[in-house]
Amino acid sequence: MSVLPEKVSKAWDKKKVPIIFTTVDEDGVPNAIYATCVNKFNEDTIVIADNFFDKTRKNILAESKGSILFITDEDKAFQVKGAIEYHKEGDIFKDMKKWNPKQHPGHAAAVLKVEEVYSGSEKLL
């Protein structure tokens, strides 16, 4: 199991929102969205609340891999890539419901499992 390098974990705490969340459809066509309702569940799991997904949800359910791109308040960019899971119940879903704004539906928790991490072209993991 891969975890965020310490440098990236600390950078996550200084991220600007929105982040960019990208998935790929069955034909290899990418779909990128802005996401504001995101949280780090632990060092190997980043959660994006499914409040209004459409193509993104379809891609996840088709077993898409994905990436998250974020920038810090110091303008340093990081990209995290990995497999995506979709949780409509369980601990991760319950945790998402705690921090997702009450006015949003929070249909499910999209979970990006850390596999690769980059800062620009530099591979950190």
N, C-alpha and C. Protein backbone atom coordinates (compact mmCIF):
# COMPACT_ATOMS: atom_id res chain seq x y z
N MET A 1 0.84 -1.18 0.00
CA MET A 1 0.00 0.00 0.00
C MET A 1 0.89 1.24 0.00
N SER A 2 0.61 2.20 -0.87
CA SER A 2 1.38 3.44 -0.96
C SER A 2 0.72 4.52 -0.12
N VAL A 3 1.54 5.38 0.44
CA VAL A 3 1.03 6.51 1.22
C VAL A 3 1.63 7.80 0.70
N LEU A 4 0.97 8.89 1.00
CA LEU A 4 1.48 10.19 0.59
C LEU A 4 2.83 10.45 1.25
N PRO A 5 3.81 10.90 0.48
CA PRO A 5 5.06 11.32 1.11
C PRO A 5 4.76 12.46 2.10
N GLU A 6 5.55 12.54 3.15
CA GLU A 6 5.31 13.55 4.19
C GLU A 6 5.20 14.96 3.62
N LYS A 7 6.07 15.28 2.65
CA LYS A 7 6.06 16.60 2.01
C LYS A 7 4.69 16.89 1.38
N VAL A 8 4.09 15.89 0.75
CA VAL A 8 2.81 16.07 0.06
C VAL A 8 1.67 16.11 1.07
N SER A 9 1.77 15.30 2.11
CA SER A 9 0.75 15.30 3.16
C SER A 9 0.67 16.68 3.81
N LYS A 10 1.81 17.27 4.09
CA LYS A 10 1.85 18.62 4.67
C LYS A 10 1.32 19.65 3.68
N ALA A 11 1.66 19.48 2.39
CA ALA A 11 1.18 20.39 1.36
C ALA A 11 -0.34 20.32 1.24
N TRP A 12 -0.91 19.11 1.39
CA TRP A 12 -2.37 18.94 1.33
C TRP A 12 -3.06 19.85 2.34
N ASP A 13 -2.46 19.99 3.51
CA ASP A 13 -3.05 20.83 4.55
C ASP A 13 -3.02 22.31 4.20
N LYS A 14 -2.26 22.67 3.15
CA LYS A 14 -2.17 24.06 2.70
C LYS A 14 -2.76 24.25 1.31
N LYS A 15 -3.58 23.28 0.88
CA LYS A 15 -4.12 23.33 -0.49
C LYS A 15 -5.15 24.44 -0.65
N LYS A 16 -5.20 24.93 -1.87
CA LYS A 16 -6.27 25.84 -2.27
C LYS A 16 -7.38 24.98 -2.84
N VAL A 17 -8.61 25.42 -2.68
CA VAL A 17 -9.72 24.73 -3.35
C VAL A 17 -10.27 25.69 -4.39
N PRO A 18 -10.79 25.16 -5.47
CA PRO A 18 -11.04 23.74 -5.72
C PRO A 18 -9.79 23.00 -6.19
N ILE A 19 -9.88 21.68 -6.06
CA ILE A 19 -8.88 20.80 -6.66
C ILE A 19 -9.44 20.35 -8.00
N ILE A 20 -8.61 19.72 -8.81
CA ILE A 20 -9.08 19.16 -10.07
C ILE A 20 -9.06 17.64 -9.94
N PHE A 21 -10.19 17.02 -10.21
CA PHE A 21 -10.35 15.56 -10.11
C PHE A 21 -10.63 15.04 -11.51
N THR A 22 -9.79 14.12 -11.98
CA THR A 22 -9.89 13.61 -13.34
C THR A 22 -10.12 12.11 -13.33
N THR A 23 -11.06 11.66 -14.15
CA THR A 23 -11.32 10.24 -14.38
C THR A 23 -11.26 10.00 -15.88
N VAL A 24 -11.34 8.73 -16.27
CA VAL A 24 -11.26 8.36 -17.68
C VAL A 24 -12.41 7.41 -18.00
N ASP A 25 -13.07 7.61 -19.15
CA ASP A 25 -14.17 6.71 -19.50
C ASP A 25 -13.64 5.43 -20.15
N GLU A 26 -14.55 4.54 -20.49
CA GLU A 26 -14.17 3.24 -21.05
C GLU A 26 -13.41 3.35 -22.37
N ASP A 27 -13.58 4.47 -23.09
CA ASP A 27 -12.88 4.69 -24.35
C ASP A 27 -11.57 5.46 -24.17
N GLY A 28 -11.20 5.74 -22.93
CA GLY A 28 -9.96 6.46 -22.65
C GLY A 28 -10.08 7.97 -22.73
N VAL A 29 -11.32 8.49 -22.77
CA VAL A 29 -11.53 9.93 -22.85
C VAL A 29 -11.54 10.49 -21.42
N PRO A 30 -10.66 11.46 -21.13
CA PRO A 30 -10.61 12.02 -19.79
C PRO A 30 -11.78 12.96 -19.50
N ASN A 31 -12.14 13.04 -18.22
CA ASN A 31 -13.15 13.96 -17.75
C ASN A 31 -12.60 14.61 -16.48
N ALA A 32 -12.46 15.92 -16.50
CA ALA A 32 -11.92 16.64 -15.35
C ALA A 32 -12.98 17.56 -14.78
N ILE A 33 -13.05 17.60 -13.45
CA ILE A 33 -13.99 18.48 -12.77
C ILE A 33 -13.27 19.24 -11.66
N TYR A 34 -13.84 20.37 -11.27
CA TYR A 34 -13.40 21.05 -10.06
C TYR A 34 -14.15 20.42 -8.90
N ALA A 35 -13.47 20.21 -7.80
CA ALA A 35 -14.11 19.66 -6.61
C ALA A 35 -13.68 20.48 -5.39
N THR A 36 -14.67 20.89 -4.61
CA THR A 36 -14.39 21.67 -3.41
C THR A 36 -14.55 20.84 -2.14
N CYS A 37 -15.33 19.80 -2.21
CA CYS A 37 -15.62 18.99 -1.02
C CYS A 37 -14.71 17.77 -1.02
N VAL A 38 -13.49 17.97 -0.52
CA VAL A 38 -12.46 16.94 -0.51
C VAL A 38 -11.80 16.89 0.86
N ASN A 39 -11.29 15.72 1.20
CA ASN A 39 -10.63 15.55 2.49
C ASN A 39 -9.68 14.36 2.42
N LYS A 40 -8.67 14.40 3.22
CA LYS A 40 -7.75 13.27 3.34
C LYS A 40 -8.29 12.39 4.47
N PHE A 41 -8.65 11.14 4.16
CA PHE A 41 -9.16 10.21 5.17
C PHE A 41 -8.00 9.68 6.00
N ASN A 42 -6.93 9.31 5.33
CA ASN A 42 -5.67 8.92 5.96
C ASN A 42 -4.57 9.12 4.93
N GLU A 43 -3.39 8.62 5.19
CA GLU A 43 -2.26 8.91 4.32
C GLU A 43 -2.27 8.15 2.99
N ASP A 44 -3.21 7.23 2.81
CA ASP A 44 -3.29 6.53 1.52
C ASP A 44 -4.64 6.72 0.84
N THR A 45 -5.49 7.57 1.42
CA THR A 45 -6.87 7.69 0.94
C THR A 45 -7.31 9.14 0.92
N ILE A 46 -7.66 9.63 -0.28
CA ILE A 46 -8.24 10.96 -0.43
C ILE A 46 -9.69 10.79 -0.87
N VAL A 47 -10.57 11.54 -0.23
CA VAL A 47 -12.01 11.38 -0.47
C VAL A 47 -12.57 12.63 -1.13
N ILE A 48 -13.38 12.41 -2.16
CA ILE A 48 -14.09 13.48 -2.86
C ILE A 48 -15.57 13.18 -2.71
N ALA A 49 -16.33 14.13 -2.18
CA ALA A 49 -17.77 13.92 -2.01
C ALA A 49 -18.47 13.96 -3.36
N ASP A 50 -19.28 12.95 -3.63
CA ASP A 50 -20.12 12.95 -4.84
C ASP A 50 -21.37 13.73 -4.52
N ASN A 51 -21.33 15.00 -4.85
CA ASN A 51 -22.51 15.84 -4.66
C ASN A 51 -23.29 15.99 -5.94
N PHE A 52 -22.58 16.13 -7.05
CA PHE A 52 -23.25 16.38 -8.32
C PHE A 52 -22.55 15.68 -9.49
N PHE A 53 -21.93 14.54 -9.23
CA PHE A 53 -21.24 13.80 -10.30
C PHE A 53 -22.23 13.28 -11.32
N ASP A 54 -21.82 13.21 -12.57
CA ASP A 54 -22.57 12.51 -13.61
C ASP A 54 -21.57 11.66 -14.38
N LYS A 55 -20.82 12.28 -15.33
CA LYS A 55 -19.81 11.52 -16.07
C LYS A 55 -18.76 10.95 -15.11
N THR A 56 -18.41 11.71 -14.11
CA THR A 56 -17.42 11.24 -13.13
C THR A 56 -17.89 9.96 -12.45
N ARG A 57 -19.14 9.93 -12.03
CA ARG A 57 -19.70 8.73 -11.38
C ARG A 57 -19.68 7.55 -12.34
N LYS A 58 -20.10 7.77 -13.59
CA LYS A 58 -20.10 6.69 -14.59
C LYS A 58 -18.69 6.14 -14.79
N ASN A 59 -17.70 7.03 -14.86
CA ASN A 59 -16.32 6.59 -15.03
C ASN A 59 -15.84 5.79 -13.84
N ILE A 60 -16.15 6.24 -12.65
CA ILE A 60 -15.74 5.52 -11.44
C ILE A 60 -16.36 4.13 -11.42
N LEU A 61 -17.63 4.05 -11.71
CA LEU A 61 -18.32 2.75 -11.68
C LEU A 61 -17.83 1.82 -12.78
N ALA A 62 -17.20 2.38 -13.81
CA ALA A 62 -16.60 1.58 -14.88
C ALA A 62 -15.14 1.24 -14.55
N GLU A 63 -14.77 1.43 -13.29
CA GLU A 63 -13.44 1.09 -12.76
C GLU A 63 -12.32 1.95 -13.33
N SER A 64 -12.61 3.23 -13.49
CA SER A 64 -11.61 4.18 -13.95
C SER A 64 -10.54 4.39 -12.89
N LYS A 65 -9.33 4.66 -13.35
CA LYS A 65 -8.31 5.21 -12.46
C LYS A 65 -8.49 6.72 -12.53
N GLY A 66 -7.84 7.43 -11.65
CA GLY A 66 -8.02 8.87 -11.67
C GLY A 66 -6.84 9.61 -11.09
N SER A 67 -6.97 10.93 -11.08
CA SER A 67 -5.94 11.77 -10.49
C SER A 67 -6.57 12.99 -9.85
N ILE A 68 -5.84 13.50 -8.89
CA ILE A 68 -6.20 14.75 -8.23
C ILE A 68 -5.03 15.69 -8.43
N LEU A 69 -5.33 16.90 -8.83
CA LEU A 69 -4.31 17.93 -8.98
C LEU A 69 -4.67 19.05 -8.02
N PHE A 70 -3.72 19.42 -7.16
CA PHE A 70 -3.99 20.54 -6.26
C PHE A 70 -2.78 21.45 -6.19
N ILE A 71 -3.05 22.68 -5.78
CA ILE A 71 -2.00 23.69 -5.64
C ILE A 71 -2.08 24.23 -4.22
N THR A 72 -0.92 24.53 -3.65
CA THR A 72 -0.89 25.04 -2.28
C THR A 72 -0.99 26.55 -2.25
N ASP A 73 -1.13 27.07 -1.04
CA ASP A 73 -1.17 28.53 -0.90
C ASP A 73 0.19 29.16 -1.21
N GLU A 74 1.23 28.31 -1.38
CA GLU A 74 2.55 28.78 -1.79
C GLU A 74 2.77 28.53 -3.30
N ASP A 75 1.69 28.20 -4.01
CA ASP A 75 1.69 27.95 -5.46
C ASP A 75 2.58 26.78 -5.88
N LYS A 76 2.62 25.74 -5.06
CA LYS A 76 3.31 24.49 -5.42
C LYS A 76 2.23 23.50 -5.82
N ALA A 77 2.43 22.84 -6.96
CA ALA A 77 1.43 21.92 -7.50
C ALA A 77 1.84 20.47 -7.22
N PHE A 78 0.82 19.65 -6.93
CA PHE A 78 1.02 18.23 -6.70
C PHE A 78 -0.08 17.45 -7.40
N GLN A 79 0.28 16.29 -7.91
CA GLN A 79 -0.69 15.41 -8.56
C GLN A 79 -0.61 14.04 -7.89
N VAL A 80 -1.77 13.51 -7.54
CA VAL A 80 -1.87 12.18 -6.93
C VAL A 80 -2.70 11.31 -7.86
N LYS A 81 -2.18 10.12 -8.20
CA LYS A 81 -2.86 9.22 -9.13
C LYS A 81 -3.14 7.90 -8.42
N GLY A 82 -4.24 7.24 -8.84
CA GLY A 82 -4.52 5.92 -8.28
C GLY A 82 -5.88 5.38 -8.68
N ALA A 83 -6.17 4.21 -8.13
CA ALA A 83 -7.46 3.58 -8.35
C ALA A 83 -8.52 4.33 -7.55
N ILE A 84 -9.76 4.24 -8.05
CA ILE A 84 -10.86 4.93 -7.38
C ILE A 84 -11.90 3.91 -6.93
N GLU A 85 -12.35 4.09 -5.71
CA GLU A 85 -13.45 3.28 -5.16
C GLU A 85 -14.64 4.20 -4.96
N TYR A 86 -15.83 3.61 -4.84
CA TYR A 86 -17.06 4.39 -4.67
C TYR A 86 -17.82 3.81 -3.48
N HIS A 87 -17.95 4.59 -2.42
CA HIS A 87 -18.55 4.12 -1.17
C HIS A 87 -19.88 4.82 -0.90
N LYS A 88 -20.94 4.03 -0.75
CA LYS A 88 -22.25 4.57 -0.41
C LYS A 88 -22.64 4.19 1.02
N GLU A 89 -21.72 3.53 1.73
CA GLU A 89 -21.92 3.18 3.13
C GLU A 89 -20.55 2.87 3.72
N GLY A 90 -20.51 2.64 5.02
CA GLY A 90 -19.26 2.29 5.68
C GLY A 90 -18.57 3.50 6.31
N ASP A 91 -17.39 3.25 6.88
CA ASP A 91 -16.67 4.27 7.64
C ASP A 91 -16.28 5.49 6.82
N ILE A 92 -15.79 5.26 5.61
CA ILE A 92 -15.37 6.41 4.78
C ILE A 92 -16.58 7.25 4.39
N PHE A 93 -17.69 6.60 4.05
CA PHE A 93 -18.91 7.33 3.71
C PHE A 93 -19.39 8.14 4.92
N LYS A 94 -19.41 7.53 6.10
CA LYS A 94 -19.85 8.23 7.32
C LYS A 94 -18.96 9.42 7.62
N ASP A 95 -17.66 9.24 7.44
CA ASP A 95 -16.73 10.34 7.66
C ASP A 95 -17.00 11.49 6.69
N MET A 96 -17.24 11.16 5.41
CA MET A 96 -17.53 12.19 4.41
C MET A 96 -18.78 12.98 4.80
N LYS A 97 -19.78 12.30 5.32
CA LYS A 97 -21.02 12.99 5.70
C LYS A 97 -20.78 13.99 6.84
N LYS A 98 -19.73 13.79 7.63
CA LYS A 98 -19.42 14.71 8.72
C LYS A 98 -18.86 16.03 8.22
N TRP A 99 -18.00 15.99 7.18
CA TRP A 99 -17.37 17.22 6.72
C TRP A 99 -17.98 17.81 5.46
N ASN A 100 -18.77 17.04 4.74
CA ASN A 100 -19.42 17.57 3.54
C ASN A 100 -20.49 18.58 3.96
N PRO A 101 -20.56 19.75 3.34
CA PRO A 101 -21.55 20.74 3.74
C PRO A 101 -22.98 20.17 3.72
N LYS A 102 -23.74 20.51 4.74
CA LYS A 102 -25.10 19.96 4.90
C LYS A 102 -26.01 20.28 3.71
N GLN A 103 -25.76 21.40 3.03
CA GLN A 103 -26.61 21.77 1.89
C GLN A 103 -26.35 20.92 0.66
N HIS A 104 -25.28 20.11 0.67
CA HIS A 104 -24.95 19.23 -0.45
C HIS A 104 -25.46 17.82 -0.17
N PRO A 105 -25.84 17.09 -1.22
CA PRO A 105 -26.45 15.77 -1.01
C PRO A 105 -25.49 14.68 -0.53
N GLY A 106 -24.24 14.73 -0.87
CA GLY A 106 -23.30 13.69 -0.45
C GLY A 106 -23.79 12.29 -0.80
N HIS A 107 -24.05 12.06 -2.09
CA HIS A 107 -24.57 10.77 -2.54
C HIS A 107 -23.65 9.62 -2.20
N ALA A 108 -22.33 9.88 -2.30
CA ALA A 108 -21.33 8.82 -2.05
C ALA A 108 -19.98 9.48 -1.84
N ALA A 109 -19.03 8.64 -1.40
CA ALA A 109 -17.65 9.10 -1.24
C ALA A 109 -16.80 8.43 -2.31
N ALA A 110 -16.21 9.24 -3.19
CA ALA A 110 -15.25 8.73 -4.17
C ALA A 110 -13.90 8.71 -3.49
N VAL A 111 -13.25 7.57 -3.53
CA VAL A 111 -12.00 7.37 -2.80
C VAL A 111 -10.87 7.13 -3.78
N LEU A 112 -9.89 8.03 -3.77
CA LEU A 112 -8.69 7.83 -4.59
C LEU A 112 -7.64 7.20 -3.68
N LYS A 113 -7.20 5.99 -4.07
CA LYS A 113 -6.16 5.27 -3.33
C LYS A 113 -4.81 5.67 -3.91
N VAL A 114 -3.93 6.19 -3.10
CA VAL A 114 -2.64 6.71 -3.54
C VAL A 114 -1.79 5.60 -4.15
N GLU A 115 -1.36 5.82 -5.40
CA GLU A 115 -0.44 4.90 -6.08
C GLU A 115 0.81 5.63 -6.59
N GLU A 116 0.61 6.84 -7.12
CA GLU A 116 1.72 7.65 -7.64
C GLU A 116 1.52 9.09 -7.21
N VAL A 117 2.63 9.79 -6.98
CA VAL A 117 2.57 11.20 -6.58
C VAL A 117 3.66 11.96 -7.33
N TYR A 118 3.29 13.14 -7.83
CA TYR A 118 4.21 13.99 -8.59
C TYR A 118 4.17 15.41 -8.07
N SER A 119 5.29 16.10 -8.23
CA SER A 119 5.36 17.54 -8.07
C SER A 119 5.96 18.04 -9.37
N GLY A 120 5.12 18.60 -10.22
CA GLY A 120 5.56 18.92 -11.58
C GLY A 120 5.93 17.63 -12.28
N SER A 121 7.12 17.56 -12.88
CA SER A 121 7.53 16.34 -13.56
C SER A 121 8.30 15.38 -12.65
N GLU A 122 8.53 15.81 -11.41
CA GLU A 122 9.29 15.00 -10.45
C GLU A 122 8.38 13.95 -9.80
N LYS A 123 8.72 12.70 -9.98
CA LYS A 123 7.95 11.62 -9.38
C LYS A 123 8.41 11.46 -7.93
N LEU A 124 7.47 11.63 -7.00
CA LEU A 124 7.78 11.52 -5.57
C LEU A 124 7.45 10.15 -5.02
N LEU A 125 6.58 9.44 -5.71
CA LEU A 125 6.19 8.08 -5.29
C LEU A 125 5.81 7.27 -6.51
